[in-house]
Amino acid sequence: MANYKYVEEGGKGQISRVLLFLLDGKWHTLAEIEKAGLGTPDAITARLRDLRKRRYGSYKIEKQRTKDRQTFGLWEYRIKPTSKRKESK
């Protein structure tokens, strides 16, 4: 069963909230995502891993080190805006 349909159709779970937050295509640190009320850093990273899985849509989650001198060394994440998820067969 493809759970990504539930996620994309506005499911109320944490994975749906994280997905909707990241669909803006901007880079976000775990602290920013946490501040938005979407969970703890551990839970958020688990949802990011889930979104990469086929059953949740095979989203292309990009990560990079922050470029800001004050936060250098932190990771920031986004869903690649031009990437299309693969359709399950």
Protein backbone atom coordinates (compact mmCIF):
# COMPACT_ATOMS: atom_id res chain seq x y z
CA MET A 1 0.00 0.00 0.00
CA ALA A 2 1.38 3.40 -0.94
CA ASN A 3 1.28 5.61 2.15
CA TYR A 4 2.41 8.66 0.17
CA LYS A 5 -1.16 9.15 -1.06
CA TYR A 6 -2.23 9.65 2.55
CA VAL A 7 0.67 12.04 3.13
CA GLU A 8 -0.02 14.11 0.01
CA GLU A 9 -3.76 14.24 0.63
CA GLY A 10 -3.30 16.13 3.87
CA GLY A 11 -2.87 13.36 6.39
CA LYS A 12 -2.74 14.69 9.92
CA GLY A 13 0.36 12.80 11.06
CA GLN A 14 3.78 14.22 11.81
CA ILE A 15 5.17 13.03 8.48
CA SER A 16 2.53 15.06 6.63
CA ARG A 17 3.30 18.17 8.66
CA VAL A 18 7.04 17.85 8.02
CA LEU A 19 6.41 17.31 4.30
CA LEU A 20 4.15 20.36 4.03
CA PHE A 21 6.70 22.48 5.88
CA LEU A 22 9.53 21.43 3.54
CA LEU A 23 7.57 21.82 0.31
CA ASP A 24 8.45 25.52 0.24
CA GLY A 25 11.81 24.48 -1.28
CA LYS A 26 13.81 26.58 1.21
CA TRP A 27 16.64 25.29 3.38
CA HIS A 28 15.69 24.61 7.04
CA THR A 29 17.73 23.47 10.03
CA LEU A 30 16.33 20.93 12.49
CA ALA A 31 16.00 23.78 15.01
CA GLU A 32 13.80 25.75 12.59
CA ILE A 33 11.62 22.72 11.94
CA GLU A 34 11.40 22.02 15.67
CA LYS A 35 10.53 25.67 16.38
CA ALA A 36 7.61 25.32 13.95
CA GLY A 37 6.20 22.74 16.36
CA LEU A 38 6.82 19.70 14.18
CA GLY A 39 8.57 17.53 16.76
CA THR A 40 11.90 16.86 18.38
CA PRO A 41 15.10 16.73 16.31
CA ASP A 42 15.19 12.93 16.61
CA ALA A 43 11.58 12.60 15.44
CA ILE A 44 12.12 15.05 12.58
CA THR A 45 15.18 13.21 11.27
CA ALA A 46 13.18 9.98 11.42
CA ARG A 47 10.43 11.59 9.30
CA LEU A 48 13.05 12.86 6.83
CA ARG A 49 14.30 9.28 6.46
CA ASP A 50 10.72 8.08 6.03
CA LEU A 51 10.04 10.60 3.25
CA ARG A 52 12.97 9.13 1.30
CA LYS A 53 11.38 5.67 1.40
CA ARG A 54 9.31 4.42 -1.50
CA ARG A 55 6.23 3.81 0.62
CA TYR A 56 6.19 7.50 1.61
CA GLY A 57 6.84 8.93 -1.84
CA SER A 58 10.60 8.58 -2.51
CA TYR A 59 11.15 12.29 -2.00
CA LYS A 60 14.59 13.70 -2.75
CA ILE A 61 15.62 15.24 0.56
CA GLU A 62 18.76 17.32 0.13
CA LYS A 63 21.06 18.29 2.97
CA GLN A 64 23.99 20.65 3.23
CA ARG A 65 26.08 22.30 5.91
CA THR A 66 24.89 25.76 6.84
CA LYS A 67 26.87 28.63 5.34
CA ASP A 68 26.21 31.07 8.17
CA ARG A 69 29.33 31.60 10.30
CA GLN A 70 27.34 31.45 13.55
CA THR A 71 25.70 28.13 12.76
CA PHE A 72 28.40 26.61 10.56
CA GLY A 73 28.51 22.87 11.04
CA LEU A 74 24.76 22.42 11.36
CA TRP A 75 22.87 20.61 8.66
CA GLU A 76 19.95 22.11 6.80
CA TYR A 77 17.40 20.23 4.73
CA ARG A 78 14.99 20.81 1.88
CA ILE A 79 12.95 18.90 -0.63
CA LYS A 80 14.51 19.54 -3.99
CA PRO A 81 11.94 21.76 -5.71
CA THR A 82 12.44 20.38 -9.21
CA SER A 83 12.57 16.72 -8.25
CA LYS A 84 9.63 14.49 -8.99
CA ARG A 85 9.01 11.47 -6.87
CA LYS A 86 8.87 8.16 -8.64
CA GLU A 87 5.42 6.67 -9.13
CA SER A 88 5.03 3.25 -7.58
CA LYS A 89 3.87 0.47 -9.85
